[in-house]
């Protein structure tokens, strides 16, 4: 099985503010060709560390892909690190500098002397053109017929280069392999509950391989089949996915990797129906998730952030006597919030959330982490109560996931929302 390793270059990648999205994109493109990723790492802007990382990766993989560090500044040291790792010289290419200068001229700017550094390539390397930036990519064959790729860091430059330049090389380098992935995504179930139902099926297979990924209120069952043909990969996937799909049924909200909010927006759009929200403890987070989904403007009418009792009354018309009798965190108030929001916005569906996200609040009956949900539909209003464990952010995230799946389930299988 051919394998690859990825090295992301840049000291900024070692901070909590920067996320390495390039590796995810590269991995997806490799997998489509049946090339597995056996490892990835992040290295700072140090020539010696870059060289060491490249050597270590070649001890474990057939292809090493390095992203970043090809810019014109003094801390862009990928070229130098690669030359050190392979014991190769860097060769100046005048035509590369001229192409960079022409790019500057088209925008009315003068090329800087420091851009000259980008015209150096590894001895024997093939240059990968970069029409979206000044840093060309490079690919060079190393000992044993393995390949080293040096790619620019900005995604708008890297992604087209991968698709247009790298993928054809990879396909030629490792022909005839197919790696296909199928993902089942489930909400409102724990990882252990999903595994208890699915494990009796997937443990019978070594190909496809099965991986369970868990995040707040969201479980992904990922199946990867590796074969010599696409048809065989699809057949192997069906052997494990089909029975698990029957077991989990409507609990599965997505089979193409789509997020829960994207799935909800798609269903509402297909049905030409709308939704509105009234959020207390989540303070608009559910609305924001829906608004981020493609096409949300067609089905998301809007909503209310109703933190205080007075605002619940003023914006959504909840009777203050109802709040006094049952408290703001109650099934009765959640029901009123949903019903009134539906009426005031004219939406087909309305979701409400009220609860104690923490760390303050809560009582003996409803401790911190308690959230009440209301869902107004064209035919009824239902309420649910759930207690979540975790810090404030985790409770908010879980509550948003629960609310969206409550709506999704009502749309596709309302009987599963009863009881």
Protein backbone atom coordinates (compact mmCIF):
# COMPACT_ATOMS: atom_id res chain seq x y z
CA UNK A 1 0.00 0.00 0.00
CA UNK A 2 1.61 3.30 -1.07
CA UNK A 3 1.97 5.83 1.72
CA UNK A 4 2.72 9.50 2.14
CA UNK A 5 3.70 11.86 4.91
CA UNK A 6 3.02 15.59 5.18
CA UNK A 7 5.15 18.27 6.78
CA UNK A 8 3.58 21.68 7.44
CA UNK A 9 6.20 24.39 7.81
CA UNK A 10 5.82 27.55 9.87
CA UNK A 11 6.33 28.60 13.47
CA UNK A 12 2.88 30.22 13.35
CA UNK A 13 1.43 26.72 12.85
CA UNK A 14 2.63 25.86 16.36
CA UNK A 15 0.39 28.50 17.95
CA UNK A 16 -3.25 27.98 18.98
CA UNK A 17 -4.40 30.66 16.52
CA UNK A 18 -3.44 28.83 13.31
CA UNK A 19 -5.04 25.64 11.97
CA UNK A 20 -3.31 23.41 9.40
CA UNK A 21 -6.08 23.04 6.82
CA UNK A 22 -3.62 22.27 4.00
CA UNK A 23 -2.90 18.81 5.38
CA UNK A 24 -6.60 17.95 5.39
CA UNK A 25 -6.94 18.98 1.75
CA UNK A 26 -3.83 17.08 0.67
CA UNK A 27 -4.94 13.98 2.59
CA UNK A 28 -8.29 13.96 0.84
CA UNK A 29 -6.65 14.16 -2.59
CA UNK A 30 -4.17 11.40 -1.73
CA UNK A 31 -6.91 9.12 -0.43
CA UNK A 32 -8.87 9.45 -3.64
CA UNK A 33 -5.93 7.84 -5.41
CA UNK A 34 -5.56 5.05 -2.88
CA UNK A 35 -2.52 6.59 -1.20
CA UNK A 36 -2.71 6.43 2.58
CA UNK A 37 -1.29 9.07 4.89
CA UNK A 38 0.96 7.39 7.43
CA UNK A 39 1.89 10.54 9.31
CA UNK A 40 2.00 14.31 9.40
CA UNK A 41 3.87 16.83 11.47
CA UNK A 42 4.34 20.54 11.96
CA UNK A 43 7.84 22.03 11.99
CA UNK A 44 8.95 25.55 12.82
CA UNK A 45 10.99 27.84 10.60
CA UNK A 46 14.35 26.20 11.30
CA UNK A 47 16.48 24.78 8.49
CA UNK A 48 17.90 21.95 10.61
CA UNK A 49 14.49 20.85 11.89
CA UNK A 50 13.04 20.91 8.38
CA UNK A 51 15.91 18.74 7.11
CA UNK A 52 15.52 16.27 9.98
CA UNK A 53 11.75 16.02 9.44
CA UNK A 54 12.17 15.29 5.72
CA UNK A 55 14.71 12.54 6.39
CA UNK A 56 12.54 10.94 9.05
CA UNK A 57 9.47 11.00 6.80
CA UNK A 58 11.32 9.35 3.91
CA UNK A 59 12.22 6.48 6.24
CA UNK A 60 8.49 5.75 6.54
CA UNK A 61 6.84 6.84 3.28
CA UNK A 62 7.10 6.85 -0.53
CA UNK A 63 5.97 10.45 -0.94
CA UNK A 64 6.82 13.40 1.32
CA UNK A 65 4.83 16.59 0.82
CA UNK A 66 6.06 19.80 2.42
CA UNK A 67 3.79 22.85 2.54
CA UNK A 68 4.87 26.38 3.38
CA UNK A 69 8.18 28.16 3.79
CA UNK A 70 8.68 29.00 0.09
CA UNK A 71 8.16 32.72 0.44
CA UNK A 72 10.74 35.49 -0.07
CA UNK A 73 11.51 36.33 3.57
CA UNK A 74 14.45 35.29 5.70
CA UNK A 75 12.39 32.81 7.73
CA UNK A 76 11.22 30.94 4.59
CA UNK A 77 13.73 28.10 4.83
CA UNK A 78 12.00 25.10 3.23
CA UNK A 79 14.26 25.19 0.17
CA UNK A 80 17.40 25.28 2.31
CA UNK A 81 16.12 22.57 4.66
CA UNK A 82 15.24 20.28 1.75
CA UNK A 83 18.66 20.80 0.18
CA UNK A 84 20.30 19.89 3.48
CA UNK A 85 18.12 16.78 3.88
CA UNK A 86 18.88 15.47 0.39
CA UNK A 87 22.47 16.71 0.19
CA UNK A 88 21.59 18.65 -2.94
CA UNK A 89 22.51 22.13 -4.08
CA UNK A 90 20.05 24.93 -4.84
CA UNK A 91 20.16 26.08 -8.46
CA UNK A 92 19.18 29.59 -9.55
CA UNK A 93 16.63 29.72 -12.38
CA UNK A 94 16.45 33.09 -14.14
CA UNK A 95 13.15 32.25 -15.84
CA UNK A 96 11.45 31.85 -12.46
CA UNK A 97 12.55 35.32 -11.34
CA UNK A 98 11.38 36.79 -14.63
CA UNK A 99 7.95 35.18 -14.18
CA UNK A 100 7.73 36.67 -10.70
CA UNK A 101 8.80 40.08 -12.01
CA UNK A 102 6.14 39.91 -14.73
CA UNK A 103 3.51 39.14 -12.11
CA UNK A 104 4.55 42.26 -10.22
CA UNK A 105 4.52 44.38 -13.39
CA UNK A 106 0.95 43.37 -14.16
CA UNK A 107 -0.15 44.86 -10.85
CA UNK A 108 1.94 47.99 -11.26
CA UNK A 109 4.55 47.06 -8.66
CA UNK A 110 8.30 46.62 -8.63
CA UNK A 111 9.77 43.26 -7.70
CA UNK A 112 11.76 43.29 -4.46
CA UNK A 113 15.31 41.99 -4.25
CA UNK A 114 14.22 39.43 -1.67
CA UNK A 115 12.00 37.71 -4.24
CA UNK A 116 15.20 36.48 -5.86
CA UNK A 117 15.29 33.75 -3.21
CA UNK A 118 12.20 32.19 -4.76
CA UNK A 119 14.08 31.52 -8.01
CA UNK A 120 16.24 28.82 -6.40
CA UNK A 121 15.16 25.19 -6.82
CA UNK A 122 16.62 21.88 -5.77
CA UNK A 123 19.13 20.35 -8.11
CA UNK A 124 17.22 18.09 -10.56
CA UNK A 125 13.79 19.36 -9.45
CA UNK A 126 10.82 19.89 -11.72
CA UNK A 127 9.19 23.28 -11.19
CA UNK A 128 5.44 23.31 -10.50
CA UNK A 129 3.93 26.56 -11.83
CA UNK A 130 1.99 28.78 -9.43
CA UNK A 131 -0.34 31.17 -11.29
CA UNK A 132 -1.85 32.28 -7.99
CA UNK A 133 1.31 33.43 -6.23
CA UNK A 134 5.03 34.10 -6.45
CA UNK A 135 6.28 30.83 -4.94
CA UNK A 136 6.61 28.01 -7.49
CA UNK A 137 6.33 24.46 -6.25
CA UNK A 138 8.93 21.77 -6.79
CA UNK A 139 9.05 17.98 -7.09
CA UNK A 140 12.24 15.96 -7.05
CA UNK A 141 12.95 12.23 -7.17
CA UNK A 142 15.13 10.97 -4.34
CA UNK A 143 16.94 7.72 -3.64
CA UNK A 144 14.76 4.66 -4.14
CA UNK A 145 12.46 6.42 -6.58
CA UNK A 146 10.60 8.27 -3.85
CA UNK A 147 9.20 11.76 -4.39
CA UNK A 148 9.59 15.02 -2.47
CA UNK A 149 7.08 17.81 -3.12
CA UNK A 150 7.61 21.39 -1.95
CA UNK A 151 4.36 23.37 -2.09
CA UNK A 152 3.41 26.95 -1.17
CA UNK A 153 1.58 27.53 2.11
CA UNK A 154 -1.40 29.80 1.24
CA UNK A 155 -4.40 27.53 0.51
CA UNK A 156 -5.43 29.58 -2.53
CA UNK A 157 -2.05 28.71 -4.04
CA UNK A 158 -1.61 25.19 -2.71
CA UNK A 159 -5.01 23.74 -3.56
CA UNK A 160 -4.96 24.46 -7.32
CA UNK A 161 -1.34 23.28 -7.49
CA UNK A 162 -2.23 20.00 -5.81
CA UNK A 163 -5.16 19.36 -8.12
CA UNK A 164 -3.56 20.48 -11.37
CA UNK A 165 0.08 19.47 -10.89
CA UNK A 166 0.46 16.96 -8.05
CA UNK A 167 -2.54 14.68 -8.54
CA UNK A 168 -1.50 13.64 -12.11
CA UNK A 169 1.99 12.81 -10.82
CA UNK A 170 0.63 10.80 -7.90
CA UNK A 171 -1.75 8.92 -10.18
CA UNK A 172 1.15 7.95 -12.46
CA UNK A 173 3.43 7.12 -9.57
CA UNK A 174 0.94 4.72 -7.94
CA UNK A 175 -1.54 3.52 -10.59
CA UNK A 176 -4.36 1.11 -10.01
CA UNK A 177 -5.12 1.76 -6.33
CA UNK A 178 -8.49 2.88 -5.08
CA UNK A 179 -9.25 4.14 -1.59
CA UNK A 180 -12.89 4.95 -0.96
CA UNK A 181 -14.38 6.39 2.20
CA UNK A 182 -17.97 6.38 3.46
CA UNK A 183 -18.97 8.43 6.49
CA UNK A 184 -22.06 8.04 8.65
CA UNK A 185 -22.70 11.00 10.98
CA UNK A 186 -24.96 10.67 14.01
CA UNK A 187 -26.21 13.20 16.56
CA UNK A 188 -27.77 12.84 20.03
CA UNK A 189 -25.99 9.55 20.71
CA UNK A 190 -22.87 8.85 22.74
CA UNK A 191 -19.79 7.26 21.22
CA UNK A 192 -20.25 4.14 23.34
CA UNK A 193 -23.92 3.80 22.36
CA UNK A 194 -23.09 4.05 18.66
CA UNK A 195 -20.23 1.57 18.99
CA UNK A 196 -22.38 -0.92 20.87
CA UNK A 197 -24.77 -1.03 17.92
CA UNK A 198 -22.20 -0.87 15.13
CA UNK A 199 -19.29 -2.94 16.47
CA UNK A 200 -20.93 -6.38 15.94
CA UNK A 201 -20.93 -5.54 12.22
CA UNK A 202 -17.71 -3.66 11.53
CA UNK A 203 -15.48 -5.90 13.66
CA UNK A 204 -16.09 -8.67 11.13
CA UNK A 205 -14.10 -6.73 8.53
CA UNK A 206 -10.49 -5.68 8.21
CA UNK A 207 -11.15 -4.08 4.83
CA UNK A 208 -12.89 -1.65 5.06
CA UNK A 209 -11.16 -0.22 8.13
CA UNK A 210 -13.49 1.50 10.59
CA UNK A 211 -12.75 4.59 12.66
CA UNK A 212 -15.06 6.29 15.17
CA UNK A 213 -14.58 10.02 15.70
CA UNK A 214 -16.44 11.83 18.47
CA UNK A 215 -16.95 15.55 19.06
CA UNK A 216 -19.55 17.46 21.04
CA UNK A 217 -22.82 15.70 20.30
CA UNK A 218 -21.57 14.39 16.98
CA UNK A 219 -20.32 10.90 16.12
CA UNK A 220 -18.70 9.97 12.79
CA UNK A 221 -18.35 6.38 11.67
CA UNK A 222 -15.72 6.37 8.93
CA UNK A 223 -15.19 3.33 6.70
CA UNK A 224 -12.23 3.13 4.31
CA UNK A 225 -11.90 0.42 1.68
CA UNK A 226 -8.66 -0.12 -0.26
CA UNK A 227 -8.78 -2.24 -3.43
CA UNK A 228 -7.55 -2.58 -7.00
CA UNK A 229 -10.77 -1.24 -8.50
CA UNK A 230 -13.40 1.34 -7.71
CA UNK A 231 -16.21 -1.20 -8.08
CA UNK A 232 -14.58 -3.54 -5.59
CA UNK A 233 -14.14 -0.69 -3.10
CA UNK A 234 -17.81 0.20 -3.37
CA UNK A 235 -18.79 -3.45 -2.90
CA UNK A 236 -16.66 -3.80 0.24
CA UNK A 237 -18.08 -0.59 1.68
CA UNK A 238 -21.63 -1.74 1.05
CA UNK A 239 -21.02 -4.97 2.99
CA UNK A 240 -20.36 -3.05 6.19
CA UNK A 241 -22.31 0.19 5.65
CA UNK A 242 -25.63 -1.33 4.59
CA UNK A 243 -26.28 -3.36 7.76
CA UNK A 244 -25.12 -0.52 10.03
CA UNK A 245 -27.38 1.88 8.17
CA UNK A 246 -30.31 -0.44 8.86
CA UNK A 247 -29.41 -0.62 12.56
CA UNK A 248 -29.01 3.13 13.09
CA UNK A 249 -31.79 4.15 10.72
CA UNK A 250 -32.95 7.77 11.05
CA UNK A 251 -30.32 8.44 13.69
CA UNK A 252 -27.93 8.97 10.78
CA UNK A 253 -28.19 12.58 9.64
CA UNK A 254 -25.53 12.61 6.92
CA UNK A 255 -23.70 10.17 4.66
CA UNK A 256 -21.67 12.63 2.60
CA UNK A 257 -19.79 14.37 5.38
CA UNK A 258 -22.24 17.28 5.57
CA UNK A 259 -22.64 19.02 8.92
CA UNK A 260 -25.90 18.83 10.85
CA UNK A 261 -26.75 22.47 10.10
CA UNK A 262 -26.16 21.91 6.39
CA UNK A 263 -28.41 18.87 6.47
CA UNK A 264 -31.19 20.79 8.23
CA UNK A 265 -30.98 23.68 5.78
CA UNK A 266 -31.07 21.29 2.85
CA UNK A 267 -34.19 19.51 4.13
CA UNK A 268 -36.02 22.75 4.88
CA UNK A 269 -35.10 24.16 1.48
CA UNK A 270 -36.29 21.04 -0.34
CA UNK A 271 -39.60 21.27 1.51
CA UNK A 272 -39.88 25.03 1.04
CA UNK A 273 -40.28 25.43 4.80
CA UNK A 274 -38.81 27.91 7.25
CA UNK A 275 -37.48 28.08 10.79
CA UNK A 276 -37.00 30.76 13.44
CA UNK A 277 -35.35 30.63 16.87
CA UNK A 278 -35.58 31.95 20.41
CA UNK A 279 -32.34 31.37 22.30
CA UNK A 280 -31.56 32.08 25.92
CA UNK A 281 -28.59 30.03 27.17
CA UNK A 282 -27.07 29.61 23.69
CA UNK A 283 -27.32 33.33 22.88
CA UNK A 284 -27.72 32.94 19.12
CA UNK A 285 -25.23 30.10 18.61
CA UNK A 286 -27.81 27.82 16.96
CA UNK A 287 -28.87 30.64 14.64
CA UNK A 288 -25.23 31.31 13.75
CA UNK A 289 -24.65 27.67 12.85
CA UNK A 290 -27.68 27.62 10.59
CA UNK A 291 -26.71 30.94 9.00
CA UNK A 292 -23.27 29.52 8.15
CA UNK A 293 -24.79 26.70 6.07
CA UNK A 294 -25.05 27.25 2.30
CA UNK A 295 -28.53 28.39 1.28
CA UNK A 296 -29.63 29.35 4.80
CA UNK A 297 -31.16 32.62 3.60
CA UNK A 298 -33.93 30.65 1.91
CA UNK A 299 -35.21 28.97 5.07
CA UNK A 300 -33.86 30.85 8.12
CA UNK A 301 -36.20 33.73 8.91
CA UNK A 302 -34.39 35.00 12.02
CA UNK A 303 -34.80 34.81 15.74
CA UNK A 304 -34.45 36.30 19.19
CA UNK A 305 -31.73 36.24 21.84
CA UNK A 306 -33.78 36.36 25.04
CA UNK A 307 -31.53 36.24 28.07
CA UNK A 308 -33.53 38.10 30.70
CA UNK A 309 -37.10 37.42 31.78
CA UNK A 310 -38.11 40.91 30.66
CA UNK A 311 -36.75 40.40 27.15
CA UNK A 312 -38.48 37.02 26.91
CA UNK A 313 -41.73 38.85 27.55
CA UNK A 314 -40.98 41.92 25.44
CA UNK A 315 -39.66 40.17 22.33
CA UNK A 316 -41.59 36.91 22.28
CA UNK A 317 -44.59 37.67 24.47
CA UNK A 318 -44.03 35.04 27.14
CA UNK A 319 -46.48 35.70 30.00
CA UNK A 320 -44.51 36.96 33.04
CA UNK A 321 -46.89 34.99 35.27
CA UNK A 322 -45.83 31.81 33.46
CA UNK A 323 -42.20 32.61 34.23
CA UNK A 324 -43.06 33.40 37.85
CA UNK A 325 -44.93 30.14 38.25
CA UNK A 326 -42.40 27.82 36.57
CA UNK A 327 -39.13 29.87 36.33
CA UNK A 328 -37.48 30.83 33.05
CA UNK A 329 -35.71 27.47 32.84
CA UNK A 330 -38.69 25.18 32.44
CA UNK A 331 -40.60 23.15 29.90
CA UNK A 332 -43.51 25.58 30.11
CA UNK A 333 -41.39 28.58 29.17
CA UNK A 334 -39.56 26.65 26.44
CA UNK A 335 -42.93 25.73 24.95
CA UNK A 336 -44.17 29.31 25.08
CA UNK A 337 -40.97 30.65 23.54
CA UNK A 338 -41.23 28.27 20.61
CA UNK A 339 -44.94 28.78 20.02
CA UNK A 340 -44.75 32.57 20.26
CA UNK A 341 -41.68 32.74 18.00
CA UNK A 342 -43.45 30.67 15.39
CA UNK A 343 -46.47 32.97 15.57
CA UNK A 344 -44.52 36.24 15.50
CA UNK A 345 -42.23 35.28 12.63
CA UNK A 346 -44.69 33.23 10.58
CA UNK A 347 -42.21 30.36 10.38
CA UNK A 348 -43.18 26.74 9.79
CA UNK A 349 -40.94 25.63 12.66
CA UNK A 350 -39.52 27.40 15.67
CA UNK A 351 -36.86 26.22 18.12
CA UNK A 352 -36.34 27.52 21.64
CA UNK A 353 -33.62 26.87 24.21
CA UNK A 354 -33.53 27.94 27.84
CA UNK A 355 -31.24 26.54 30.50
CA UNK A 356 -28.24 26.80 32.79
CA UNK A 357 -25.06 26.71 30.71
CA UNK A 358 -22.95 27.40 33.80
CA UNK A 359 -20.86 27.88 35.72
CA UNK A 360 -23.46 29.79 37.78
CA UNK A 361 -27.13 29.02 38.16
CA UNK A 362 -28.89 25.72 38.55
CA UNK A 363 -30.82 24.25 41.43
CA UNK A 364 -31.63 20.88 42.93
CA UNK A 365 -34.27 20.11 40.30
CA UNK A 366 -32.39 21.57 37.34
CA UNK A 367 -28.62 21.56 37.95
CA UNK A 368 -26.04 23.37 35.86
CA UNK A 369 -26.09 21.84 32.38
CA UNK A 370 -29.87 21.52 32.24
CA UNK A 371 -31.41 22.77 29.00
CA UNK A 372 -35.07 22.78 28.01
CA UNK A 373 -35.93 22.71 24.30
CA UNK A 374 -39.13 23.75 22.61
CA UNK A 375 -40.06 22.86 19.05
CA UNK A 376 -43.11 24.35 17.41
CA UNK A 377 -44.18 22.53 14.26
CA UNK A 378 -47.14 23.04 11.90
CA UNK A 379 -49.05 20.45 13.94
CA UNK A 380 -47.83 20.56 17.53
CA UNK A 381 -45.42 21.99 20.10
CA UNK A 382 -43.15 19.56 21.93
CA UNK A 383 -40.61 20.06 24.67
CA UNK A 384 -37.53 18.12 25.76
CA UNK A 385 -35.23 18.32 28.77
CA UNK A 386 -31.59 17.30 28.72
CA UNK A 387 -28.72 17.58 31.20
CA UNK A 388 -25.28 18.09 29.67
CA UNK A 389 -21.96 17.69 31.46
CA UNK A 390 -19.03 19.99 30.79
CA UNK A 391 -17.94 23.60 30.88
CA UNK A 392 -20.05 26.45 29.55
CA UNK A 393 -18.77 26.24 25.98
CA UNK A 394 -19.26 22.49 25.85
CA UNK A 395 -22.82 22.73 27.15
CA UNK A 396 -23.66 25.39 24.55
CA UNK A 397 -22.19 23.28 21.76
CA UNK A 398 -24.05 20.15 22.89
CA UNK A 399 -27.30 22.08 23.27
CA UNK A 400 -27.00 23.50 19.75
CA UNK A 401 -26.39 20.03 18.33
CA UNK A 402 -29.34 18.64 20.23
CA UNK A 403 -31.63 21.46 19.06
CA UNK A 404 -30.71 21.05 15.41
CA UNK A 405 -31.16 17.31 15.50
CA UNK A 406 -34.49 17.71 17.29
CA UNK A 407 -35.66 19.71 14.29
CA UNK A 408 -34.11 17.32 11.77
CA UNK A 409 -35.74 14.30 13.38
CA UNK A 410 -39.11 16.03 13.39
CA UNK A 411 -38.70 16.73 9.70
CA UNK A 412 -37.81 13.16 8.65
CA UNK A 413 -39.13 10.89 11.44
CA UNK A 414 -41.43 12.70 13.90
CA UNK A 415 -42.31 9.48 15.70
CA UNK A 416 -38.70 9.30 16.93
CA UNK A 417 -39.15 12.60 18.79
CA UNK A 418 -41.94 11.14 20.91
CA UNK A 419 -41.35 9.50 24.24
